[in-house]
Amino acid sequence: MNGGSWSKWRLVLAILVLGLLADHGSKYLAVSRLTTALEHGADAGGVAGRVRAFYGLRHLESYSTEPYVVWAPLWRMRYAENPYAAFSLFSMFSNVSPEARTAFFGVVTALAVFFILRFLRKVEPGQRLLQAALSMVMAGAIGNFTDRLAHGYVIDFVDWYWWRRPDLYWPTFNVADSLIVVGVALLLLFPAPQPERAAARE
């Protein structure tokens, strides 16, 4: 493997690790700051105990506190649990057992990661934006699925709504959802160059 390939995979790994840390770290903060669950969790004293409680406790909406207002006209933080896909899509799975939902999303995530890695193998070392976009989508998909494995649902907390109208809101989301959306947007705005076009430029 040449230096360019090593550089490419280092970038992919860095974005993946940072994306997962940001996603799970922000979800931990959401549980810590927007609920009182960790205060009631067994052995929740100290950082290690609180982390164990974070991954061990389930269905914490009854512990949720008042939303934290970031900017009153448009933005607040609110704890929410989403058993479906990003932005509460595929709510048609409401009648499906949690185990079946987890299995389904596990297959979808595995396929997504497989195709992204396969495509990344073909990406030229100099195509940094394309590498970053694909890595962000992969990090977001893995982040939400590992959340689903740990809890049976995905933790959401970013709540955007229309001007001072919380009843008119965008579906609550999280960092993993944001990584997927930004990654896909970059892929749409800056698609991979077609082989014939690249050859013509050369």
C-alpha atoms as a PDB file:
ATOM      1  CA  MET A   1       0.000   0.000   0.000  1.00  0.00           C
ATOM      2  CA  ASN A   2       1.552   3.292  -1.084  1.00  0.00           C
ATOM      3  CA  GLY A   3       1.775   6.505   0.932  1.00  0.00           C
ATOM      4  CA  GLY A   4      -1.257   8.023  -0.761  1.00  0.00           C
ATOM      5  CA  SER A   5      -3.442   5.068   0.183  1.00  0.00           C
ATOM      6  CA  TRP A   6      -2.197   5.166   3.772  1.00  0.00           C
ATOM      7  CA  SER A   7      -3.017   8.862   3.894  1.00  0.00           C
ATOM      8  CA  LYS A   8      -6.499   8.177   2.544  1.00  0.00           C
ATOM      9  CA  TRP A   9      -7.298   5.510   5.122  1.00  0.00           C
ATOM     10  CA  ARG A  10      -5.861   7.589   7.947  1.00  0.00           C
ATOM     11  CA  LEU A  11      -8.287  10.357   7.014  1.00  0.00           C
ATOM     12  CA  VAL A  12     -11.182   7.895   6.870  1.00  0.00           C
ATOM     13  CA  LEU A  13     -10.266   6.432  10.267  1.00  0.00           C
ATOM     14  CA  ALA A  14      -9.814   9.867  11.846  1.00  0.00           C
ATOM     15  CA  ILE A  15     -13.238  11.095  10.681  1.00  0.00           C
ATOM     16  CA  LEU A  16     -14.854   7.821  11.730  1.00  0.00           C
ATOM     17  CA  VAL A  17     -13.368   7.896  15.241  1.00  0.00           C
ATOM     18  CA  LEU A  18     -14.000  11.614  15.771  1.00  0.00           C
ATOM     19  CA  GLY A  19     -17.541  11.297  14.427  1.00  0.00           C
ATOM     20  CA  LEU A  20     -18.357   8.400  16.767  1.00  0.00           C
ATOM     21  CA  LEU A  21     -16.831  10.183  19.757  1.00  0.00           C
ATOM     22  CA  ALA A  22     -18.780  13.356  18.986  1.00  0.00           C
ATOM     23  CA  ASP A  23     -21.997  11.409  18.472  1.00  0.00           C
ATOM     24  CA  HIS A  24     -21.876   9.262  21.597  1.00  0.00           C
ATOM     25  CA  GLY A  25     -20.354  12.041  23.680  1.00  0.00           C
ATOM     26  CA  SER A  26     -23.176  14.407  22.758  1.00  0.00           C
ATOM     27  CA  LYS A  27     -25.774  11.725  23.479  1.00  0.00           C
ATOM     28  CA  TYR A  28     -24.227  11.165  26.895  1.00  0.00           C
ATOM     29  CA  LEU A  29     -24.410  14.912  27.537  1.00  0.00           C
ATOM     30  CA  ALA A  30     -28.039  14.914  26.405  1.00  0.00           C
ATOM     31  CA  VAL A  31     -28.910  12.226  28.946  1.00  0.00           C
ATOM     32  CA  SER A  32     -26.800  13.936  31.610  1.00  0.00           C
ATOM     33  CA  ARG A  33     -28.119  17.477  31.080  1.00  0.00           C
ATOM     34  CA  LEU A  34     -31.646  16.933  29.753  1.00  0.00           C
ATOM     35  CA  THR A  35     -32.741  14.119  32.101  1.00  0.00           C
ATOM     36  CA  THR A  36     -32.238  13.187  35.734  1.00  0.00           C
ATOM     37  CA  ALA A  37     -31.766   9.502  34.877  1.00  0.00           C
ATOM     38  CA  LEU A  38     -28.065   9.295  35.704  1.00  0.00           C
ATOM     39  CA  GLU A  39     -28.729  10.690  39.157  1.00  0.00           C
ATOM     40  CA  HIS A  40     -31.100   7.789  39.816  1.00  0.00           C
ATOM     41  CA  GLY A  41     -29.000   5.102  38.140  1.00  0.00           C
ATOM     42  CA  ALA A  42     -27.415   2.486  40.352  1.00  0.00           C
ATOM     43  CA  ASP A  43     -23.729   3.121  41.011  1.00  0.00           C
ATOM     44  CA  ALA A  44     -23.972   6.401  39.106  1.00  0.00           C
ATOM     45  CA  GLY A  45     -21.385   8.106  41.267  1.00  0.00           C
ATOM     46  CA  GLY A  46     -18.224   9.043  39.423  1.00  0.00           C
ATOM     47  CA  VAL A  47     -17.555   9.132  35.706  1.00  0.00           C
ATOM     48  CA  ALA A  48     -17.310   5.359  35.237  1.00  0.00           C
ATOM     49  CA  GLY A  49     -20.570   4.776  37.096  1.00  0.00           C
ATOM     50  CA  ARG A  50     -22.365   7.425  35.083  1.00  0.00           C
ATOM     51  CA  VAL A  51     -21.107   5.959  31.813  1.00  0.00           C
ATOM     52  CA  ARG A  52     -22.290   2.496  32.892  1.00  0.00           C
ATOM     53  CA  ALA A  53     -25.657   3.987  33.779  1.00  0.00           C
ATOM     54  CA  PHE A  54     -25.811   5.750  30.417  1.00  0.00           C
ATOM     55  CA  TYR A  55     -25.385   2.484  28.526  1.00  0.00           C
ATOM     56  CA  GLY A  56     -27.373   0.389  31.000  1.00  0.00           C
ATOM     57  CA  LEU A  57     -30.527   2.422  31.567  1.00  0.00           C
ATOM     58  CA  ARG A  58     -33.457   2.308  29.147  1.00  0.00           C
ATOM     59  CA  HIS A  59     -36.431   4.503  28.227  1.00  0.00           C
ATOM     60  CA  LEU A  60     -35.563   7.701  30.049  1.00  0.00           C
ATOM     61  CA  GLU A  61     -38.224  10.050  28.708  1.00  0.00           C
ATOM     62  CA  SER A  62     -40.023   9.971  32.051  1.00  0.00           C
ATOM     63  CA  TYR A  63     -36.850  11.456  33.578  1.00  0.00           C
ATOM     64  CA  SER A  64     -36.579  14.255  31.016  1.00  0.00           C
ATOM     65  CA  THR A  65     -36.355  17.820  32.256  1.00  0.00           C
ATOM     66  CA  GLU A  66     -37.540  21.019  30.659  1.00  0.00           C
ATOM     67  CA  PRO A  67     -35.916  21.675  27.254  1.00  0.00           C
ATOM     68  CA  TYR A  68     -32.806  23.834  27.269  1.00  0.00           C
ATOM     69  CA  VAL A  69     -33.378  26.868  25.052  1.00  0.00           C
ATOM     70  CA  VAL A  70     -30.341  27.693  22.905  1.00  0.00           C
ATOM     71  CA  TRP A  71     -32.015  30.465  20.902  1.00  0.00           C
ATOM     72  CA  ALA A  72     -35.665  31.055  21.721  1.00  0.00           C
ATOM     73  CA  PRO A  73     -36.950  31.816  18.194  1.00  0.00           C
ATOM     74  CA  LEU A  74     -35.613  28.642  16.579  1.00  0.00           C
ATOM     75  CA  TRP A  75     -33.577  26.246  18.677  1.00  0.00           C
ATOM     76  CA  ARG A  76     -33.752  24.242  21.864  1.00  0.00           C
ATOM     77  CA  MET A  77     -32.316  20.984  23.214  1.00  0.00           C
ATOM     78  CA  ARG A  78     -34.878  18.338  24.141  1.00  0.00           C
ATOM     79  CA  TYR A  79     -34.358  14.695  25.093  1.00  0.00           C
ATOM     80  CA  ALA A  80     -36.174  12.270  22.795  1.00  0.00           C
ATOM     81  CA  GLU A  81     -35.989   8.575  21.948  1.00  0.00           C
ATOM     82  CA  ASN A  82     -36.375   7.491  18.342  1.00  0.00           C
ATOM     83  CA  PRO A  83     -36.937   3.765  17.649  1.00  0.00           C
ATOM     84  CA  TYR A  84     -37.106   4.397  13.907  1.00  0.00           C
ATOM     85  CA  ALA A  85     -34.646   5.718  11.329  1.00  0.00           C
ATOM     86  CA  ALA A  86     -33.070   9.169  11.047  1.00  0.00           C
ATOM     87  CA  PHE A  87     -35.556  12.010  11.658  1.00  0.00           C
ATOM     88  CA  SER A  88     -38.193   9.428  12.755  1.00  0.00           C
ATOM     89  CA  LEU A  89     -38.532   8.047   9.237  1.00  0.00           C
ATOM     90  CA  PHE A  90     -39.933   4.563   8.639  1.00  0.00           C
ATOM     91  CA  SER A  91     -42.430   4.848  11.497  1.00  0.00           C
ATOM     92  CA  MET A  92     -44.237   2.057   9.657  1.00  0.00           C
ATOM     93  CA  PHE A  93     -42.059  -0.209  11.830  1.00  0.00           C
ATOM     94  CA  SER A  94     -44.104   0.805  14.879  1.00  0.00           C
ATOM     95  CA  ASN A  95     -45.787  -2.608  14.939  1.00  0.00           C
ATOM     96  CA  VAL A  96     -42.493  -4.491  14.612  1.00  0.00           C
ATOM     97  CA  SER A  97     -40.679  -5.795  17.689  1.00  0.00           C
ATOM     98  CA  PRO A  98     -37.566  -3.878  18.849  1.00  0.00           C
ATOM     99  CA  GLU A  99     -35.406  -6.927  18.134  1.00  0.00           C
ATOM    100  CA  ALA A 100     -36.664  -7.141  14.541  1.00  0.00           C
ATOM    101  CA  ARG A 101     -36.103  -3.397  14.062  1.00  0.00           C
ATOM    102  CA  THR A 102     -32.556  -3.687  15.390  1.00  0.00           C
ATOM    103  CA  ALA A 103     -31.869  -6.632  13.081  1.00  0.00           C
ATOM    104  CA  PHE A 104     -33.269  -4.739  10.091  1.00  0.00           C
ATOM    105  CA  PHE A 105     -31.220  -1.616  10.760  1.00  0.00           C
ATOM    106  CA  GLY A 106     -28.189  -3.812  11.432  1.00  0.00           C
ATOM    107  CA  VAL A 107     -28.461  -5.287   7.941  1.00  0.00           C
ATOM    108  CA  VAL A 108     -28.992  -1.824   6.416  1.00  0.00           C
ATOM    109  CA  THR A 109     -25.983  -0.414   8.292  1.00  0.00           C
ATOM    110  CA  ALA A 110     -23.763  -3.359   7.356  1.00  0.00           C
ATOM    111  CA  LEU A 111     -24.690  -2.987   3.681  1.00  0.00           C
ATOM    112  CA  ALA A 112     -24.090   0.761   3.793  1.00  0.00           C
ATOM    113  CA  VAL A 113     -20.659   0.322   5.403  1.00  0.00           C
ATOM    114  CA  PHE A 114     -19.755  -2.422   2.908  1.00  0.00           C
ATOM    115  CA  PHE A 115     -20.606  -0.314  -0.133  1.00  0.00           C
ATOM    116  CA  ILE A 116     -18.951   2.798   1.294  1.00  0.00           C
ATOM    117  CA  LEU A 117     -15.710   0.922   2.001  1.00  0.00           C
ATOM    118  CA  ARG A 118     -15.845  -0.685  -1.426  1.00  0.00           C
ATOM    119  CA  PHE A 119     -16.273   2.716  -3.045  1.00  0.00           C
ATOM    120  CA  LEU A 120     -13.542   4.246  -0.873  1.00  0.00           C
ATOM    121  CA  ARG A 121     -11.083   1.683  -2.222  1.00  0.00           C
ATOM    122  CA  LYS A 122     -11.569   3.183  -5.677  1.00  0.00           C
ATOM    123  CA  VAL A 123     -11.351   6.805  -4.562  1.00  0.00           C
ATOM    124  CA  GLU A 124      -8.115   8.506  -5.547  1.00  0.00           C
ATOM    125  CA  PRO A 125      -5.868   9.600  -2.644  1.00  0.00           C
ATOM    126  CA  GLY A 126      -6.190  13.241  -3.674  1.00  0.00           C
ATOM    127  CA  GLN A 127     -10.004  13.285  -3.550  1.00  0.00           C
ATOM    128  CA  ARG A 128     -10.132  14.452   0.063  1.00  0.00           C
ATOM    129  CA  LEU A 129     -13.625  15.934  -0.029  1.00  0.00           C
ATOM    130  CA  LEU A 130     -15.099  12.719  -1.386  1.00  0.00           C
ATOM    131  CA  GLN A 131     -13.239  10.684   1.234  1.00  0.00           C
ATOM    132  CA  ALA A 132     -14.478  12.983   3.994  1.00  0.00           C
ATOM    133  CA  ALA A 133     -18.092  12.907   2.770  1.00  0.00           C
ATOM    134  CA  LEU A 134     -18.206   9.101   2.585  1.00  0.00           C
ATOM    135  CA  SER A 135     -16.531   8.810   5.984  1.00  0.00           C
ATOM    136  CA  MET A 136     -19.094  11.153   7.544  1.00  0.00           C
ATOM    137  CA  VAL A 137     -21.989   9.095   6.184  1.00  0.00           C
ATOM    138  CA  MET A 138     -20.363   5.914   7.505  1.00  0.00           C
ATOM    139  CA  ALA A 139     -19.697   7.457  10.937  1.00  0.00           C
ATOM    140  CA  GLY A 140     -23.301   8.633  11.203  1.00  0.00           C
ATOM    141  CA  ALA A 141     -24.709   5.246  10.212  1.00  0.00           C
ATOM    142  CA  ILE A 142     -22.485   3.368  12.672  1.00  0.00           C
ATOM    143  CA  GLY A 143     -23.143   5.938  15.421  1.00  0.00           C
ATOM    144  CA  ASN A 144     -26.894   5.528  15.279  1.00  0.00           C
ATOM    145  CA  PHE A 145     -26.714   1.752  14.962  1.00  0.00           C
ATOM    146  CA  THR A 146     -24.403   1.331  17.979  1.00  0.00           C
ATOM    147  CA  ASP A 147     -26.830   3.552  19.886  1.00  0.00           C
ATOM    148  CA  ARG A 148     -29.644   1.244  18.805  1.00  0.00           C
ATOM    149  CA  LEU A 149     -27.656  -1.801  19.939  1.00  0.00           C
ATOM    150  CA  ALA A 150     -26.976  -0.242  23.338  1.00  0.00           C
ATOM    151  CA  HIS A 151     -30.454   1.143  24.035  1.00  0.00           C
ATOM    152  CA  GLY A 152     -32.917  -0.308  21.533  1.00  0.00           C
ATOM    153  CA  TYR A 153     -33.531   3.177  20.139  1.00  0.00           C
ATOM    154  CA  VAL A 154     -31.605   6.262  19.050  1.00  0.00           C
ATOM    155  CA  ILE A 155     -31.166   9.260  21.354  1.00  0.00           C
ATOM    156  CA  ASP A 156     -32.107  12.579  19.718  1.00  0.00           C
ATOM    157  CA  PHE A 157     -31.841  16.009  21.274  1.00  0.00           C
ATOM    158  CA  VAL A 158     -31.490  18.849  18.730  1.00  0.00           C
ATOM    159  CA  ASP A 159     -34.902  20.479  18.297  1.00  0.00           C
ATOM    160  CA  TRP A 160     -35.369  23.123  15.588  1.00  0.00           C
ATOM    161  CA  TYR A 161     -38.720  24.812  15.035  1.00  0.00           C
ATOM    162  CA  TRP A 162     -40.278  27.663  13.112  1.00  0.00           C
ATOM    163  CA  TRP A 163     -40.034  31.191  14.486  1.00  0.00           C
ATOM    164  CA  ARG A 164     -41.252  30.922  18.098  1.00  0.00           C
ATOM    165  CA  ARG A 165     -43.567  28.064  17.093  1.00  0.00           C
ATOM    166  CA  PRO A 166     -42.420  24.844  18.821  1.00  0.00           C
ATOM    167  CA  ASP A 167     -45.494  23.135  17.395  1.00  0.00           C
ATOM    168  CA  LEU A 168     -44.012  23.625  13.881  1.00  0.00           C
ATOM    169  CA  TYR A 169     -40.746  21.761  14.171  1.00  0.00           C
ATOM    170  CA  TRP A 170     -38.189  19.796  12.242  1.00  0.00           C
ATOM    171  CA  PRO A 171     -37.937  16.209  13.553  1.00  0.00           C
ATOM    172  CA  THR A 172     -35.576  16.076  16.526  1.00  0.00           C
ATOM    173  CA  PHE A 173     -32.130  14.825  15.498  1.00  0.00           C
ATOM    174  CA  ASN A 174     -28.587  14.177  16.724  1.00  0.00           C
ATOM    175  CA  VAL A 175     -24.942  14.427  15.642  1.00  0.00           C
ATOM    176  CA  ALA A 176     -25.044  11.138  13.707  1.00  0.00           C
ATOM    177  CA  ASP A 177     -28.017  12.364  11.664  1.00  0.00           C
ATOM    178  CA  SER A 178     -26.115  15.593  10.989  1.00  0.00           C
ATOM    179  CA  LEU A 179     -23.051  13.673   9.790  1.00  0.00           C
ATOM    180  CA  ILE A 180     -25.200  11.691   7.361  1.00  0.00           C
ATOM    181  CA  VAL A 181     -26.980  14.778   6.029  1.00  0.00           C
ATOM    182  CA  VAL A 182     -23.792  16.817   5.616  1.00  0.00           C
ATOM    183  CA  GLY A 183     -21.986  13.870   4.014  1.00  0.00           C
ATOM    184  CA  VAL A 184     -24.801  13.232   1.531  1.00  0.00           C
ATOM    185  CA  ALA A 185     -25.059  16.962   0.768  1.00  0.00           C
ATOM    186  CA  LEU A 186     -21.342  17.070  -0.034  1.00  0.00           C
ATOM    187  CA  LEU A 187     -21.721  14.044  -2.303  1.00  0.00           C
ATOM    188  CA  LEU A 188     -24.558  15.756  -4.165  1.00  0.00           C
ATOM    189  CA  LEU A 189     -22.838  19.126  -4.413  1.00  0.00           C
ATOM    190  CA  PHE A 190     -19.398  17.749  -5.296  1.00  0.00           C
ATOM    191  CA  PRO A 191     -19.933  14.365  -6.972  1.00  0.00           C
ATOM    192  CA  ALA A 192     -17.052  12.122  -7.877  1.00  0.00           C
ATOM    193  CA  PRO A 193     -15.594  13.028 -11.279  1.00  0.00           C
ATOM    194  CA  GLN A 194     -16.563  10.684 -14.091  1.00  0.00           C
ATOM    195  CA  PRO A 195     -13.605   8.628 -15.419  1.00  0.00           C
ATOM    196  CA  GLU A 196     -13.931  10.023 -18.946  1.00  0.00           C
ATOM    197  CA  ARG A 197     -13.974  13.599 -17.644  1.00  0.00           C
ATOM    198  CA  ALA A 198     -10.937  12.985 -15.475  1.00  0.00           C
ATOM    199  CA  ALA A 199      -9.095  11.465 -18.441  1.00  0.00           C
ATOM    200  CA  ALA A 200     -10.037  14.447 -20.610  1.00  0.00           C
ATOM    201  CA  ARG A 201      -8.650  16.885 -18.042  1.00  0.00           C
ATOM    202  CA  GLU A 202      -5.395  14.948 -17.854  1.00  0.00           C
END
